[in-house]
Structure formats: C-alpha cells, structure tokens
PDB file of N, CA and C in Angstrom:
ATOM      1  N   MET A   1     -40.440  45.140  54.341  1.00  0.00           N
ATOM      2  CA  MET A   1     -40.539  44.840  52.465  1.00  0.00           C
ATOM      3  C   MET A   1     -40.953  46.392  52.131  1.00  0.00           C
ATOM      4  N   GLY A   2     -40.652  46.637  51.125  1.00  0.00           N
ATOM      5  CA  GLY A   2     -41.062  47.656  50.303  1.00  0.00           C
ATOM      6  C   GLY A   2     -41.950  47.344  48.957  1.00  0.00           C
ATOM      7  N   SER A   3     -42.731  48.239  48.650  1.00  0.00           N
ATOM      8  CA  SER A   3     -43.941  48.116  47.503  1.00  0.00           C
ATOM      9  C   SER A   3     -43.874  49.219  46.917  1.00  0.00           C
ATOM     10  N   PRO A   4     -42.984  49.182  45.645  1.00  0.00           N
ATOM     11  CA  PRO A   4     -43.080  50.773  45.298  1.00  0.00           C
ATOM     12  C   PRO A   4     -43.783  51.667  44.850  1.00  0.00           C
ATOM     13  N   ARG A   5     -45.129  50.601  44.652  1.00  0.00           N
ATOM     14  CA  ARG A   5     -46.114  50.971  43.247  1.00  0.00           C
ATOM     15  C   ARG A   5     -47.528  50.505  44.094  1.00  0.00           C
ATOM     16  N   HIS A   6     -47.627  50.429  45.310  1.00  0.00           N
ATOM     17  CA  HIS A   6     -48.776  50.262  46.358  1.00  0.00           C
ATOM     18  C   HIS A   6     -49.310  51.239  46.518  1.00  0.00           C
ATOM     19  N   GLY A   7     -50.884  51.002  46.363  1.00  0.00           N
ATOM     20  CA  GLY A   7     -52.091  51.841  47.007  1.00  0.00           C
ATOM     21  C   GLY A   7     -52.693  52.537  46.003  1.00  0.00           C
ATOM     22  N   PRO A   8     -53.829  53.330  46.348  1.00  0.00           N
ATOM     23  CA  PRO A   8     -54.255  53.582  44.801  1.00  0.00           C
ATOM     24  C   PRO A   8     -53.845  54.655  43.964  1.00  0.00           C
ATOM     25  N   ILE A   9     -53.063  55.429  44.506  1.00  0.00           N
ATOM     26  CA  ILE A   9     -52.345  56.471  43.806  1.00  0.00           C
ATOM     27  C   ILE A   9     -50.939  56.032  43.540  1.00  0.00           C
ATOM     28  N   ARG A  10     -50.627  54.447  43.768  1.00  0.00           N
ATOM     29  CA  ARG A  10     -49.331  54.429  43.215  1.00  0.00           C
ATOM     30  C   ARG A  10     -48.421  54.945  43.885  1.00  0.00           C
ATOM     31  N   ALA A  11     -48.169  55.518  45.299  1.00  0.00           N
ATOM     32  CA  ALA A  11     -47.207  56.246  45.502  1.00  0.00           C
ATOM     33  C   ALA A  11     -46.267  55.225  46.372  1.00  0.00           C
ATOM     34  N   GLY A  12     -46.513  53.951  46.814  1.00  0.00           N
ATOM     35  CA  GLY A  12     -45.643  53.096  47.601  1.00  0.00           C
ATOM     36  C   GLY A  12     -46.315  52.880  48.341  1.00  0.00           C
ATOM     37  N   SER A  13     -45.470  52.096  49.569  1.00  0.00           N
ATOM     38  CA  SER A  13     -45.816  51.427  50.763  1.00  0.00           C
ATOM     39  C   SER A  13     -44.409  50.792  51.266  1.00  0.00           C
ATOM     40  N   VAL A  14     -43.892  50.907  52.310  1.00  0.00           N
ATOM     41  CA  VAL A  14     -43.371  50.172  53.336  1.00  0.00           C
ATOM     42  C   VAL A  14     -44.035  49.386  54.370  1.00  0.00           C
ATOM     43  N   PHE A  15     -43.729  47.966  54.374  1.00  0.00           N
ATOM     44  CA  PHE A  15     -44.621  47.188  55.214  1.00  0.00           C
ATOM     45  C   PHE A  15     -43.381  46.407  56.537  1.00  0.00           C
ATOM     46  N   ILE A  16     -43.658  46.802  57.663  1.00  0.00           N
ATOM     47  CA  ILE A  16     -42.626  46.395  58.615  1.00  0.00           C
ATOM     48  C   ILE A  16     -43.021  45.173  59.112  1.00  0.00           C
ATOM     49  N   GLY A  17     -42.411  43.878  59.382  1.00  0.00           N
ATOM     50  CA  GLY A  17     -43.192  42.701  59.954  1.00  0.00           C
ATOM     51  C   GLY A  17     -42.477  41.824  60.186  1.00  0.00           C
ATOM     52  N   GLY A  18     -42.537  40.954  60.369  1.00  0.00           N
ATOM     53  CA  GLY A  18     -41.947  39.363  61.120  1.00  0.00           C
ATOM     54  C   GLY A  18     -42.104  38.274  60.680  1.00  0.00           C
ATOM     55  N   TYR A  19     -41.086  37.304  61.087  1.00  0.00           N
ATOM     56  CA  TYR A  19     -41.614  35.835  60.649  1.00  0.00           C
ATOM     57  C   TYR A  19     -41.728  34.884  61.820  1.00  0.00           C
ATOM     58  N   PRO A  20     -42.783  34.975  62.329  1.00  0.00           N
ATOM     59  CA  PRO A  20     -43.368  34.404  63.795  1.00  0.00           C
ATOM     60  C   PRO A  20     -42.780  32.840  63.731  1.00  0.00           C
ATOM     61  N   GLU A  21     -42.065  32.557  64.755  1.00  0.00           N
ATOM     62  CA  GLU A  21     -41.678  31.031  65.111  1.00  0.00           C
ATOM     63  C   GLU A  21     -42.878  29.986  64.981  1.00  0.00           C
ATOM     64  N   GLY A  22     -42.820  29.147  63.690  1.00  0.00           N
ATOM     65  CA  GLY A  22     -43.649  28.246  63.734  1.00  0.00           C
ATOM     66  C   GLY A  22     -44.860  28.603  62.984  1.00  0.00           C
ATOM     67  N   LYS A  23     -44.504  29.692  62.083  1.00  0.00           N
ATOM     68  CA  LYS A  23     -45.723  30.246  61.243  1.00  0.00           C
ATOM     69  C   LYS A  23     -44.659  29.900  59.685  1.00  0.00           C
ATOM     70  N   ASP A  24     -45.341  29.536  58.548  1.00  0.00           N
ATOM     71  CA  ASP A  24     -44.890  29.875  57.295  1.00  0.00           C
ATOM     72  C   ASP A  24     -44.846  31.202  56.561  1.00  0.00           C
ATOM     73  N   ASP A  25     -45.389  31.911  56.934  1.00  0.00           N
ATOM     74  CA  ASP A  25     -45.606  33.164  56.350  1.00  0.00           C
ATOM     75  C   ASP A  25     -45.450  34.176  57.088  1.00  0.00           C
ATOM     76  N   VAL A  26     -44.979  35.377  56.244  1.00  0.00           N
ATOM     77  CA  VAL A  26     -44.635  37.071  56.856  1.00  0.00           C
ATOM     78  C   VAL A  26     -45.968  37.503  57.542  1.00  0.00           C
ATOM     79  N   ASP A  27     -45.500  38.009  58.854  1.00  0.00           N
ATOM     80  CA  ASP A  27     -46.765  38.384  59.597  1.00  0.00           C
ATOM     81  C   ASP A  27     -46.354  40.355  59.563  1.00  0.00           C
ATOM     82  N   SER A  28     -47.416  40.818  58.929  1.00  0.00           N
ATOM     83  CA  SER A  28     -47.179  42.543  58.546  1.00  0.00           C
ATOM     84  C   SER A  28     -47.865  43.252  59.718  1.00  0.00           C
ATOM     85  N   ARG A  29     -47.035  43.855  60.448  1.00  0.00           N
ATOM     86  CA  ARG A  29     -47.367  44.593  61.885  1.00  0.00           C
ATOM     87  C   ARG A  29     -47.426  46.075  61.451  1.00  0.00           C
ATOM     88  N   PHE A  30     -46.910  46.566  60.615  1.00  0.00           N
ATOM     89  CA  PHE A  30     -46.964  48.354  60.393  1.00  0.00           C
ATOM     90  C   PHE A  30     -46.914  48.087  59.119  1.00  0.00           C
ATOM     91  N   GLN A  31     -47.600  49.422  58.196  1.00  0.00           N
ATOM     92  CA  GLN A  31     -47.432  50.031  57.044  1.00  0.00           C
ATOM     93  C   GLN A  31     -47.422  51.324  57.247  1.00  0.00           C
ATOM     94  N   ILE A  32     -46.238  52.060  56.362  1.00  0.00           N
ATOM     95  CA  ILE A  32     -46.163  53.314  55.957  1.00  0.00           C
ATOM     96  C   ILE A  32     -46.206  53.482  54.547  1.00  0.00           C
ATOM     97  N   ASP A  33     -47.277  54.506  54.082  1.00  0.00           N
ATOM     98  CA  ASP A  33     -47.575  54.588  52.782  1.00  0.00           C
ATOM     99  C   ASP A  33     -46.957  56.010  52.239  1.00  0.00           C
ATOM    100  N   GLY A  34     -46.584  55.971  51.062  1.00  0.00           N
ATOM    101  CA  GLY A  34     -46.128  57.117  50.482  1.00  0.00           C
ATOM    102  C   GLY A  34     -47.230  58.182  50.465  1.00  0.00           C
ATOM    103  N   ASP A  35     -47.222  59.239  50.021  1.00  0.00           N
ATOM    104  CA  ASP A  35     -48.182  60.409  49.903  1.00  0.00           C
ATOM    105  C   ASP A  35     -48.609  61.482  48.394  1.00  0.00           C
ATOM    106  N   GLN A  36     -47.240  60.803  47.299  1.00  0.00           N
ATOM    107  CA  GLN A  36     -47.396  61.741  46.299  1.00  0.00           C
ATOM    108  C   GLN A  36     -47.682  60.923  45.268  1.00  0.00           C
ATOM    109  N   LEU A  37     -48.103  60.835  44.135  1.00  0.00           N
ATOM    110  CA  LEU A  37     -48.253  59.997  42.794  1.00  0.00           C
ATOM    111  C   LEU A  37     -46.643  60.078  42.397  1.00  0.00           C
ATOM    112  N   GLY A  38     -46.427  58.786  41.736  1.00  0.00           N
ATOM    113  CA  GLY A  38     -45.510  58.274  41.351  1.00  0.00           C
ATOM    114  C   GLY A  38     -44.269  58.518  42.298  1.00  0.00           C
ATOM    115  N   GLU A  39     -44.222  58.584  43.434  1.00  0.00           N
ATOM    116  CA  GLU A  39     -43.242  58.732  44.344  1.00  0.00           C
ATOM    117  C   GLU A  39     -42.141  57.173  44.663  1.00  0.00           C
ATOM    118  N   TYR A  40     -42.710  56.331  44.186  1.00  0.00           N
ATOM    119  CA  TYR A  40     -41.986  55.154  44.338  1.00  0.00           C
ATOM    120  C   TYR A  40     -41.821  54.786  45.915  1.00  0.00           C
ATOM    121  N   PHE A  41     -42.492  55.341  46.998  1.00  0.00           N
ATOM    122  CA  PHE A  41     -42.062  55.450  48.422  1.00  0.00           C
ATOM    123  C   PHE A  41     -41.800  53.627  48.703  1.00  0.00           C
ATOM    124  N   GLY A  42     -40.669  53.445  49.031  1.00  0.00           N
ATOM    125  CA  GLY A  42     -40.112  51.825  49.512  1.00  0.00           C
ATOM    126  C   GLY A  42     -39.221  51.168  48.201  1.00  0.00           C
ATOM    127  N   ALA A  43     -38.685  51.741  47.071  1.00  0.00           N
ATOM    128  CA  ALA A  43     -38.121  51.326  46.250  1.00  0.00           C
ATOM    129  C   ALA A  43     -36.883  51.098  47.020  1.00  0.00           C
ATOM    130  N   SER A  44     -36.527  51.473  47.697  1.00  0.00           N
ATOM    131  CA  SER A  44     -35.065  51.448  48.171  1.00  0.00           C
ATOM    132  C   SER A  44     -34.860  50.278  49.703  1.00  0.00           C
ATOM    133  N   ILE A  45     -35.912  50.188  49.752  1.00  0.00           N
ATOM    134  CA  ILE A  45     -36.269  49.818  51.216  1.00  0.00           C
ATOM    135  C   ILE A  45     -36.767  48.369  51.172  1.00  0.00           C
ATOM    136  N   ALA A  46     -36.353  47.710  50.267  1.00  0.00           N
ATOM    137  CA  ALA A  46     -36.699  46.018  49.785  1.00  0.00           C
ATOM    138  C   ALA A  46     -36.143  44.853  50.512  1.00  0.00           C
ATOM    139  N   CYS A  47     -35.762  44.658  51.593  1.00  0.00           N
ATOM    140  CA  CYS A  47     -35.284  43.918  52.550  1.00  0.00           C
ATOM    141  C   CYS A  47     -35.893  43.156  53.608  1.00  0.00           C
ATOM    142  N   MET A  48     -35.622  42.170  53.878  1.00  0.00           N
ATOM    143  CA  MET A  48     -36.248  41.615  55.091  1.00  0.00           C
ATOM    144  C   MET A  48     -35.714  40.111  55.500  1.00  0.00           C
ATOM    145  N   ASP A  49     -35.302  39.689  56.926  1.00  0.00           N
ATOM    146  CA  ASP A  49     -34.572  38.909  57.573  1.00  0.00           C
ATOM    147  C   ASP A  49     -35.601  37.734  57.808  1.00  0.00           C
ATOM    148  N   LEU A  50     -35.907  36.997  56.542  1.00  0.00           N
ATOM    149  CA  LEU A  50     -37.144  36.033  56.901  1.00  0.00           C
ATOM    150  C   LEU A  50     -36.672  34.767  57.797  1.00  0.00           C
ATOM    151  N   ASP A  51     -35.333  34.238  58.366  1.00  0.00           N
ATOM    152  CA  ASP A  51     -35.188  33.208  59.012  1.00  0.00           C
ATOM    153  C   ASP A  51     -34.753  33.673  60.077  1.00  0.00           C
ATOM    154  N   GLY A  52     -34.710  35.077  60.771  1.00  0.00           N
ATOM    155  CA  GLY A  52     -34.485  35.601  62.281  1.00  0.00           C
ATOM    156  C   GLY A  52     -32.860  35.374  62.388  1.00  0.00           C
ATOM    157  N   ASP A  53     -32.126  35.288  61.757  1.00  0.00           N
ATOM    158  CA  ASP A  53     -30.779  35.128  61.986  1.00  0.00           C
ATOM    159  C   ASP A  53     -29.934  36.108  62.206  1.00  0.00           C
ATOM    160  N   GLY A  54     -30.845  37.775  61.836  1.00  0.00           N
ATOM    161  CA  GLY A  54     -30.038  38.961  61.741  1.00  0.00           C
ATOM    162  C   GLY A  54     -29.556  39.602  61.105  1.00  0.00           C
TER     163      GLY A  54
END
C-alpha cells in the first residue's frame, strides 16, 4: 500500500504486507520511506491483493 504523505516530513511511505488466512486485517511486514520533503513517495503504488486471489 502507498501512503504518499506519511511520516514526519510528509515524504511518503510504501507498506508491503499480506492478508493472513483467518485474520480480518492486513499484516504490514515491511516499510520503505521516502526521504525528501513533498516527495509523495508511494503515490503511484497504492494497490494490494487483499483476498489472495493473485
């Protein structure tokens, strides 16, 4: 999932995770952060396969 204004300087972040079987929420396993103010890192990566069908 992408969060283009996440973080203290609003640089943005991308969260990589999964939807574990038997759980009702997404499990965030890894986070990548942008490093420039106003970078909007993660704006173009905002999709996730929530139901595991590929």
